[in-house]
Amino acid sequence: MGSTESSRAEACANLKRRRLAVQAEVRSVITDLTNAQEQIRLQTENVEIAQENRRIVRAGYLAGTETLNRLNEAQRDLVNAQADLASARIRMRQAWSDLRAAAGTNGAGEDDPPPASQNAGSVAGGRAALQRAGYSPAPSSSSILTALAFCGSSSNDFR
């Protein structure tokens, strides 16, 4: 019987460690998502500023007060800002994918993440977005809760 009890205790300890690891991963991915949303906001502002700068430089070039070289620099700055915005959008999509994977969902019916403005750029916003996206625990979650009950723990021990 001692062997059975030690095996049970070891299995329970492993289960608890796994649950904590999953929770840490979800928190980390929510942070990544929040950061990606903030980068999109900042890069969108950069594109707007670069567009305005290019407009001003172009007007100056047409008026003869700016050089072609300066116009080319303004155009290059705009293209770079647009590329940075595209990269930020890719990072956000990757963060959403990582969040779905960490949460144990496949995002069925959710091809695109909600706009950053709907998430308020916060961890709470990320959680709210998960709920709006129809997040439900992975199928194995109920078996984890059952196993935790078997181990003499409740799910509240890990929140």
N, C-alpha and C. Protein backbone atom coordinates (compact mmCIF):
# COMPACT_ATOMS: atom_id res chain seq x y z
N MET A 1 0.80 -1.19 0.00
CA MET A 1 0.00 0.00 0.00
C MET A 1 0.85 1.26 0.00
N GLY A 2 1.99 1.24 0.65
CA GLY A 2 2.86 2.41 0.71
C GLY A 2 3.30 2.84 -0.67
N SER A 3 3.53 1.87 -1.55
CA SER A 3 3.94 2.19 -2.91
C SER A 3 2.82 2.89 -3.67
N THR A 4 1.59 2.46 -3.44
CA THR A 4 0.45 3.07 -4.10
C THR A 4 0.27 4.51 -3.64
N GLU A 5 0.40 4.72 -2.34
CA GLU A 5 0.27 6.08 -1.80
C GLU A 5 1.37 6.99 -2.33
N SER A 6 2.61 6.52 -2.40
CA SER A 6 3.70 7.36 -2.90
C SER A 6 3.52 7.64 -4.39
N SER A 7 3.03 6.66 -5.14
CA SER A 7 2.75 6.88 -6.57
C SER A 7 1.65 7.92 -6.74
N ARG A 8 0.62 7.82 -5.88
CA ARG A 8 -0.47 8.78 -5.94
C ARG A 8 0.03 10.17 -5.60
N ALA A 9 0.84 10.28 -4.56
CA ALA A 9 1.38 11.58 -4.16
C ALA A 9 2.25 12.17 -5.27
N GLU A 10 3.05 11.32 -5.90
CA GLU A 10 3.92 11.79 -6.99
C GLU A 10 3.08 12.25 -8.19
N ALA A 11 2.03 11.48 -8.51
CA ALA A 11 1.15 11.86 -9.62
C ALA A 11 0.45 13.18 -9.32
N CYS A 12 0.02 13.35 -8.09
CA CYS A 12 -0.65 14.60 -7.70
C CYS A 12 0.32 15.78 -7.78
N ALA A 13 1.54 15.58 -7.34
CA ALA A 13 2.54 16.65 -7.40
C ALA A 13 2.84 17.02 -8.86
N ASN A 14 2.95 16.01 -9.71
CA ASN A 14 3.19 16.26 -11.13
C ASN A 14 2.03 17.02 -11.75
N LEU A 15 0.82 16.64 -11.38
CA LEU A 15 -0.37 17.32 -11.90
C LEU A 15 -0.40 18.78 -11.47
N LYS A 16 -0.10 19.03 -10.22
CA LYS A 16 -0.08 20.40 -9.72
C LYS A 16 0.98 21.24 -10.44
N ARG A 17 2.17 20.66 -10.65
CA ARG A 17 3.22 21.38 -11.38
C ARG A 17 2.79 21.69 -12.81
N ARG A 18 2.14 20.74 -13.46
CA ARG A 18 1.70 20.95 -14.84
C ARG A 18 0.65 22.06 -14.92
N ARG A 19 -0.28 22.04 -13.98
CA ARG A 19 -1.32 23.08 -13.97
C ARG A 19 -0.69 24.46 -13.77
N LEU A 20 0.24 24.57 -12.84
CA LEU A 20 0.92 25.85 -12.61
C LEU A 20 1.70 26.28 -13.85
N ALA A 21 2.32 25.33 -14.53
CA ALA A 21 3.08 25.66 -15.74
C ALA A 21 2.16 26.18 -16.83
N VAL A 22 0.99 25.57 -16.97
CA VAL A 22 0.03 26.01 -17.99
C VAL A 22 -0.47 27.41 -17.66
N GLN A 23 -0.78 27.65 -16.39
CA GLN A 23 -1.25 28.98 -15.99
C GLN A 23 -0.17 30.03 -16.25
N ALA A 24 1.07 29.71 -15.96
CA ALA A 24 2.16 30.65 -16.20
C ALA A 24 2.31 30.93 -17.70
N GLU A 25 2.16 29.89 -18.50
CA GLU A 25 2.27 30.06 -19.95
C GLU A 25 1.15 30.96 -20.48
N VAL A 26 -0.07 30.75 -20.01
CA VAL A 26 -1.19 31.58 -20.45
C VAL A 26 -0.96 33.04 -20.04
N ARG A 27 -0.51 33.26 -18.81
CA ARG A 27 -0.22 34.64 -18.37
C ARG A 27 0.85 35.28 -19.25
N SER A 28 1.88 34.53 -19.56
CA SER A 28 2.97 35.05 -20.39
C SER A 28 2.47 35.41 -21.78
N VAL A 29 1.65 34.55 -22.34
CA VAL A 29 1.14 34.81 -23.69
C VAL A 29 0.18 35.99 -23.69
N ILE A 30 -0.61 36.16 -22.63
CA ILE A 30 -1.49 37.33 -22.53
C ILE A 30 -0.64 38.60 -22.49
N THR A 31 0.47 38.55 -21.78
CA THR A 31 1.38 39.70 -21.74
C THR A 31 1.93 39.98 -23.14
N ASP A 32 2.32 38.92 -23.86
CA ASP A 32 2.82 39.09 -25.23
C ASP A 32 1.75 39.72 -26.12
N LEU A 33 0.51 39.28 -25.95
CA LEU A 33 -0.59 39.82 -26.74
C LEU A 33 -0.80 41.30 -26.43
N THR A 34 -0.77 41.64 -25.17
CA THR A 34 -0.94 43.04 -24.76
C THR A 34 0.18 43.90 -25.35
N ASN A 35 1.40 43.40 -25.30
CA ASN A 35 2.54 44.14 -25.88
C ASN A 35 2.37 44.29 -27.38
N ALA A 36 1.91 43.25 -28.05
CA ALA A 36 1.72 43.32 -29.50
C ALA A 36 0.64 44.35 -29.85
N GLN A 37 -0.42 44.40 -29.06
CA GLN A 37 -1.47 45.37 -29.31
C GLN A 37 -0.94 46.80 -29.14
N GLU A 38 -0.12 47.01 -28.13
CA GLU A 38 0.47 48.33 -27.91
C GLU A 38 1.39 48.71 -29.07
N GLN A 39 2.14 47.74 -29.58
CA GLN A 39 3.02 48.02 -30.72
C GLN A 39 2.22 48.41 -31.95
N ILE A 40 1.09 47.79 -32.16
CA ILE A 40 0.24 48.18 -33.30
C ILE A 40 -0.23 49.61 -33.13
N ARG A 41 -0.63 49.96 -31.93
CA ARG A 41 -1.07 51.35 -31.69
C ARG A 41 0.05 52.33 -31.98
N LEU A 42 1.26 52.03 -31.46
CA LEU A 42 2.40 52.93 -31.67
C LEU A 42 2.81 52.99 -33.14
N GLN A 43 2.85 51.85 -33.80
CA GLN A 43 3.27 51.84 -35.20
C GLN A 43 2.24 52.52 -36.10
N THR A 44 0.96 52.44 -35.73
CA THR A 44 -0.08 53.16 -36.48
C THR A 44 0.16 54.67 -36.37
N GLU A 45 0.49 55.13 -35.18
CA GLU A 45 0.82 56.55 -35.00
C GLU A 45 2.05 56.93 -35.83
N ASN A 46 3.05 56.05 -35.85
CA ASN A 46 4.26 56.33 -36.64
C ASN A 46 3.94 56.46 -38.13
N VAL A 47 3.06 55.60 -38.64
CA VAL A 47 2.68 55.69 -40.05
C VAL A 47 1.97 57.01 -40.32
N GLU A 48 1.08 57.41 -39.43
CA GLU A 48 0.36 58.68 -39.62
C GLU A 48 1.34 59.86 -39.63
N ILE A 49 2.30 59.84 -38.73
CA ILE A 49 3.30 60.92 -38.67
C ILE A 49 4.16 60.92 -39.94
N ALA A 50 4.58 59.72 -40.38
CA ALA A 50 5.41 59.63 -41.58
C ALA A 50 4.63 60.08 -42.82
N GLN A 51 3.34 59.77 -42.87
CA GLN A 51 2.52 60.23 -44.00
C GLN A 51 2.43 61.75 -44.02
N GLU A 52 2.20 62.32 -42.85
CA GLU A 52 2.11 63.79 -42.76
C GLU A 52 3.46 64.43 -43.13
N ASN A 53 4.54 63.84 -42.65
CA ASN A 53 5.87 64.37 -42.96
C ASN A 53 6.13 64.30 -44.46
N ARG A 54 5.78 63.18 -45.08
CA ARG A 54 5.99 63.05 -46.52
C ARG A 54 5.15 64.07 -47.28
N ARG A 55 3.92 64.30 -46.82
CA ARG A 55 3.05 65.28 -47.48
C ARG A 55 3.68 66.67 -47.41
N ILE A 56 4.22 67.02 -46.25
CA ILE A 56 4.84 68.34 -46.06
C ILE A 56 6.09 68.47 -46.93
N VAL A 57 6.93 67.44 -46.92
CA VAL A 57 8.16 67.48 -47.72
C VAL A 57 7.83 67.53 -49.21
N ARG A 58 6.81 66.77 -49.64
CA ARG A 58 6.42 66.78 -51.06
C ARG A 58 5.95 68.18 -51.47
N ALA A 59 5.15 68.79 -50.60
CA ALA A 59 4.68 70.16 -50.89
C ALA A 59 5.88 71.10 -50.99
N GLY A 60 6.85 70.93 -50.10
CA GLY A 60 8.06 71.74 -50.15
C GLY A 60 8.86 71.48 -51.42
N TYR A 61 8.93 70.23 -51.85
CA TYR A 61 9.65 69.88 -53.08
C TYR A 61 8.97 70.53 -54.29
N LEU A 62 7.63 70.44 -54.33
CA LEU A 62 6.90 71.04 -55.44
C LEU A 62 7.03 72.56 -55.45
N ALA A 63 7.20 73.15 -54.26
CA ALA A 63 7.38 74.60 -54.16
C ALA A 63 8.83 75.01 -54.37
N GLY A 64 9.72 74.03 -54.45
CA GLY A 64 11.13 74.32 -54.69
C GLY A 64 11.94 74.59 -53.43
N THR A 65 11.38 74.31 -52.25
CA THR A 65 12.12 74.56 -51.00
C THR A 65 12.75 73.29 -50.41
N GLU A 66 12.40 72.13 -50.96
CA GLU A 66 12.97 70.86 -50.50
C GLU A 66 13.64 70.17 -51.68
N THR A 67 14.65 69.36 -51.37
CA THR A 67 15.37 68.64 -52.42
C THR A 67 14.70 67.29 -52.70
N LEU A 68 15.03 66.75 -53.86
CA LEU A 68 14.54 65.42 -54.22
C LEU A 68 15.08 64.39 -53.23
N ASN A 69 16.30 64.59 -52.78
CA ASN A 69 16.89 63.68 -51.79
C ASN A 69 16.04 63.66 -50.52
N ARG A 70 15.62 64.83 -50.05
CA ARG A 70 14.80 64.91 -48.84
C ARG A 70 13.44 64.25 -49.06
N LEU A 71 12.86 64.40 -50.24
CA LEU A 71 11.60 63.74 -50.55
C LEU A 71 11.77 62.23 -50.54
N ASN A 72 12.87 61.75 -51.11
CA ASN A 72 13.15 60.31 -51.09
C ASN A 72 13.32 59.79 -49.66
N GLU A 73 13.96 60.58 -48.81
CA GLU A 73 14.12 60.18 -47.40
C GLU A 73 12.75 60.08 -46.71
N ALA A 74 11.89 61.05 -46.97
CA ALA A 74 10.55 61.03 -46.37
C ALA A 74 9.75 59.82 -46.86
N GLN A 75 9.90 59.50 -48.15
CA GLN A 75 9.22 58.34 -48.70
C GLN A 75 9.77 57.06 -48.06
N ARG A 76 11.08 56.98 -47.91
CA ARG A 76 11.71 55.81 -47.27
C ARG A 76 11.21 55.66 -45.83
N ASP A 77 11.12 56.78 -45.11
CA ASP A 77 10.62 56.73 -43.72
C ASP A 77 9.18 56.21 -43.66
N LEU A 78 8.38 56.63 -44.62
CA LEU A 78 6.99 56.16 -44.68
C LEU A 78 6.94 54.65 -44.95
N VAL A 79 7.71 54.20 -45.91
CA VAL A 79 7.73 52.77 -46.24
C VAL A 79 8.22 51.95 -45.04
N ASN A 80 9.24 52.43 -44.35
CA ASN A 80 9.74 51.73 -43.16
C ASN A 80 8.68 51.68 -42.06
N ALA A 81 7.96 52.77 -41.87
CA ALA A 81 6.90 52.80 -40.85
C ALA A 81 5.78 51.82 -41.21
N GLN A 82 5.44 51.76 -42.48
CA GLN A 82 4.41 50.81 -42.92
C GLN A 82 4.87 49.36 -42.73
N ALA A 83 6.14 49.11 -43.00
CA ALA A 83 6.69 47.76 -42.80
C ALA A 83 6.70 47.39 -41.32
N ASP A 84 7.03 48.35 -40.47
CA ASP A 84 7.01 48.10 -39.02
C ASP A 84 5.60 47.81 -38.53
N LEU A 85 4.61 48.50 -39.08
CA LEU A 85 3.22 48.25 -38.71
C LEU A 85 2.80 46.84 -39.16
N ALA A 86 3.19 46.47 -40.36
CA ALA A 86 2.87 45.12 -40.84
C ALA A 86 3.51 44.06 -39.94
N SER A 87 4.75 44.28 -39.52
CA SER A 87 5.42 43.34 -38.62
C SER A 87 4.70 43.27 -37.27
N ALA A 88 4.25 44.40 -36.76
CA ALA A 88 3.51 44.42 -35.49
C ALA A 88 2.21 43.63 -35.62
N ARG A 89 1.54 43.75 -36.75
CA ARG A 89 0.31 42.98 -36.97
C ARG A 89 0.59 41.49 -37.01
N ILE A 90 1.69 41.12 -37.64
CA ILE A 90 2.07 39.71 -37.68
C ILE A 90 2.36 39.20 -36.27
N ARG A 91 3.07 40.00 -35.47
CA ARG A 91 3.37 39.60 -34.09
C ARG A 91 2.08 39.44 -33.29
N MET A 92 1.09 40.30 -33.53
CA MET A 92 -0.17 40.16 -32.80
C MET A 92 -0.89 38.88 -33.20
N ARG A 93 -0.92 38.58 -34.47
CA ARG A 93 -1.56 37.34 -34.92
C ARG A 93 -0.85 36.12 -34.31
N GLN A 94 0.47 36.19 -34.23
CA GLN A 94 1.23 35.10 -33.62
C GLN A 94 0.89 35.00 -32.13
N ALA A 95 0.76 36.14 -31.47
CA ALA A 95 0.41 36.13 -30.04
C ALA A 95 -0.98 35.52 -29.84
N TRP A 96 -1.93 35.85 -30.72
CA TRP A 96 -3.26 35.24 -30.62
C TRP A 96 -3.18 33.73 -30.81
N SER A 97 -2.40 33.32 -31.78
CA SER A 97 -2.24 31.88 -32.02
C SER A 97 -1.62 31.21 -30.80
N ASP A 98 -0.61 31.84 -30.23
CA ASP A 98 0.04 31.29 -29.04
C ASP A 98 -0.94 31.23 -27.87
N LEU A 99 -1.80 32.26 -27.76
CA LEU A 99 -2.77 32.28 -26.67
C LEU A 99 -3.78 31.15 -26.83
N ARG A 100 -4.27 30.95 -28.04
CA ARG A 100 -5.20 29.85 -28.27
C ARG A 100 -4.55 28.51 -27.93
N ALA A 101 -3.30 28.35 -28.33
CA ALA A 101 -2.59 27.10 -28.05
C ALA A 101 -2.40 26.91 -26.55
N ALA A 102 -2.00 27.96 -25.86
CA ALA A 102 -1.77 27.86 -24.41
C ALA A 102 -3.06 27.61 -23.66
N ALA A 103 -4.17 28.18 -24.16
CA ALA A 103 -5.46 28.02 -23.49
C ALA A 103 -6.14 26.72 -23.88
N GLY A 104 -5.59 26.01 -24.85
CA GLY A 104 -6.17 24.74 -25.25
C GLY A 104 -7.37 24.87 -26.15
N THR A 105 -7.45 25.98 -26.90
CA THR A 105 -8.54 26.16 -27.86
C THR A 105 -7.94 26.19 -29.25
N ASN A 106 -8.78 25.94 -30.23
CA ASN A 106 -8.30 26.02 -31.61
C ASN A 106 -8.80 27.26 -32.31
N GLY A 107 -9.57 28.09 -31.61
CA GLY A 107 -10.07 29.33 -32.19
C GLY A 107 -11.11 29.10 -33.25
N ALA A 108 -11.84 27.98 -33.19
CA ALA A 108 -12.84 27.67 -34.19
C ALA A 108 -13.81 28.83 -34.35
N GLY A 109 -13.98 29.28 -35.59
CA GLY A 109 -14.88 30.40 -35.86
C GLY A 109 -14.23 31.74 -35.62
N GLU A 110 -12.99 31.76 -35.25
CA GLU A 110 -12.28 33.01 -34.97
C GLU A 110 -11.03 33.07 -35.84
N ASP A 111 -11.21 33.38 -37.10
CA ASP A 111 -10.05 33.45 -37.99
C ASP A 111 -9.18 34.65 -37.68
N ASP A 112 -9.80 35.74 -37.29
CA ASP A 112 -9.05 36.95 -37.02
C ASP A 112 -9.22 37.36 -35.57
N PRO A 113 -8.16 37.88 -34.97
CA PRO A 113 -8.31 38.39 -33.61
C PRO A 113 -9.14 39.66 -33.64
N PRO A 114 -9.81 39.98 -32.53
CA PRO A 114 -10.55 41.24 -32.49
C PRO A 114 -9.58 42.40 -32.57
N PRO A 115 -10.02 43.55 -33.05
CA PRO A 115 -9.14 44.72 -33.10
C PRO A 115 -8.62 45.07 -31.71
N ALA A 116 -7.43 45.64 -31.68
CA ALA A 116 -6.81 45.99 -30.41
C ALA A 116 -7.69 46.93 -29.61
N SER A 117 -8.46 47.77 -30.28
CA SER A 117 -9.30 48.73 -29.56
C SER A 117 -10.36 48.03 -28.72
N GLN A 118 -10.74 46.81 -29.08
CA GLN A 118 -11.74 46.09 -28.30
C GLN A 118 -11.14 45.47 -27.05
N ASN A 119 -9.84 45.42 -26.97
CA ASN A 119 -9.19 44.73 -25.85
C ASN A 119 -8.61 45.67 -24.82
N ALA A 120 -8.62 46.93 -25.07
CA ALA A 120 -8.13 47.95 -24.14
C ALA A 120 -6.67 47.74 -23.76
N GLY A 121 -5.94 46.89 -24.48
CA GLY A 121 -4.51 46.73 -24.27
C GLY A 121 -4.12 46.31 -22.86
N SER A 122 -4.91 45.49 -22.22
CA SER A 122 -4.59 45.09 -20.87
C SER A 122 -4.72 43.59 -20.72
N VAL A 123 -4.18 43.07 -19.64
CA VAL A 123 -4.33 41.65 -19.36
C VAL A 123 -5.81 41.33 -19.19
N ALA A 124 -6.53 42.19 -18.49
CA ALA A 124 -7.97 41.99 -18.33
C ALA A 124 -8.64 42.01 -19.70
N GLY A 125 -8.18 42.89 -20.57
CA GLY A 125 -8.71 42.94 -21.93
C GLY A 125 -8.44 41.66 -22.68
N GLY A 126 -7.25 41.08 -22.46
CA GLY A 126 -6.91 39.80 -23.09
C GLY A 126 -7.83 38.69 -22.59
N ARG A 127 -8.10 38.69 -21.30
CA ARG A 127 -9.01 37.69 -20.74
C ARG A 127 -10.42 37.89 -21.31
N ALA A 128 -10.85 39.16 -21.39
CA ALA A 128 -12.18 39.45 -21.93
C ALA A 128 -12.25 39.02 -23.39
N ALA A 129 -11.16 39.24 -24.11
CA ALA A 129 -11.13 38.82 -25.52
C ALA A 129 -11.24 37.30 -25.62
N LEU A 130 -10.60 36.59 -24.71
CA LEU A 130 -10.71 35.13 -24.70
C LEU A 130 -12.17 34.72 -24.50
N GLN A 131 -12.85 35.37 -23.59
CA GLN A 131 -14.25 35.04 -23.33
C GLN A 131 -15.11 35.36 -24.54
N ARG A 132 -14.86 36.54 -25.18
CA ARG A 132 -15.63 36.90 -26.37
C ARG A 132 -15.36 35.91 -27.50
N ALA A 133 -14.15 35.38 -27.54
CA ALA A 133 -13.78 34.44 -28.60
C ALA A 133 -14.33 33.04 -28.34
N GLY A 134 -15.08 32.90 -27.26
CA GLY A 134 -15.68 31.61 -26.97
C GLY A 134 -14.72 30.66 -26.27
N TYR A 135 -13.77 31.20 -25.54
CA TYR A 135 -12.81 30.35 -24.84
C TYR A 135 -13.54 29.41 -23.89
N SER A 136 -13.18 28.19 -23.98
CA SER A 136 -13.62 27.22 -22.99
C SER A 136 -12.40 26.36 -22.69
N PRO A 137 -12.31 25.85 -21.49
CA PRO A 137 -11.14 25.06 -21.14
C PRO A 137 -10.97 23.88 -22.09
N ALA A 138 -9.74 23.46 -22.25
CA ALA A 138 -9.43 22.32 -23.08
C ALA A 138 -10.18 21.10 -22.55
N PRO A 139 -10.48 20.14 -23.42
CA PRO A 139 -11.22 18.96 -22.96
C PRO A 139 -10.57 18.27 -21.76
N SER A 140 -9.27 18.35 -21.66
CA SER A 140 -8.60 17.67 -20.57
C SER A 140 -8.74 18.40 -19.24
N SER A 141 -9.27 19.63 -19.27
CA SER A 141 -9.39 20.41 -18.03
C SER A 141 -10.28 19.72 -17.01
N SER A 142 -11.38 19.13 -17.46
CA SER A 142 -12.26 18.47 -16.50
C SER A 142 -11.56 17.27 -15.88
N SER A 143 -10.75 16.57 -16.68
CA SER A 143 -10.02 15.44 -16.10
C SER A 143 -8.95 15.93 -15.13
N ILE A 144 -8.39 17.11 -15.41
CA ILE A 144 -7.42 17.68 -14.48
C ILE A 144 -8.11 18.02 -13.17
N LEU A 145 -9.30 18.63 -13.25
CA LEU A 145 -10.04 18.98 -12.04
C LEU A 145 -10.42 17.72 -11.26
N THR A 146 -10.82 16.68 -11.98
CA THR A 146 -11.15 15.41 -11.32
C THR A 146 -9.93 14.85 -10.62
N ALA A 147 -8.79 14.90 -11.30
CA ALA A 147 -7.56 14.39 -10.70
C ALA A 147 -7.16 15.23 -9.50
N LEU A 148 -7.36 16.55 -9.59
CA LEU A 148 -7.04 17.40 -8.44
C LEU A 148 -7.92 17.05 -7.25
N ALA A 149 -9.19 16.79 -7.52
CA ALA A 149 -10.09 16.39 -6.43
C ALA A 149 -9.61 15.08 -5.82
N PHE A 150 -9.17 14.16 -6.66
CA PHE A 150 -8.64 12.89 -6.20
C PHE A 150 -7.40 13.10 -5.33
N CYS A 151 -6.62 14.13 -5.67
CA CYS A 151 -5.40 14.43 -4.92
C CYS A 151 -5.70 15.21 -3.64
N GLY A 152 -6.96 15.56 -3.44
CA GLY A 152 -7.30 16.29 -2.23
C GLY A 152 -7.12 17.78 -2.37
N SER A 153 -7.08 18.29 -3.61
CA SER A 153 -6.92 19.72 -3.87
C SER A 153 -8.14 20.22 -4.59
N SER A 154 -8.34 21.51 -4.55
CA SER A 154 -9.41 22.10 -5.36
C SER A 154 -8.74 23.00 -6.39
N SER A 155 -9.50 23.33 -7.41
CA SER A 155 -8.94 24.20 -8.44
C SER A 155 -8.60 25.56 -7.87
N ASN A 156 -9.24 25.95 -6.76
CA ASN A 156 -8.94 27.25 -6.15
C ASN A 156 -7.54 27.30 -5.55
N ASP A 157 -6.94 26.15 -5.29
CA ASP A 157 -5.58 26.12 -4.75
C ASP A 157 -4.57 26.69 -5.73
N PHE A 158 -4.97 26.82 -7.00
CA PHE A 158 -4.01 27.21 -8.04
C PHE A 158 -4.35 28.54 -8.67
N ARG A 159 -5.24 29.28 -8.12
CA ARG A 159 -5.63 30.58 -8.71
C ARG A 159 -4.91 31.68 -8.03
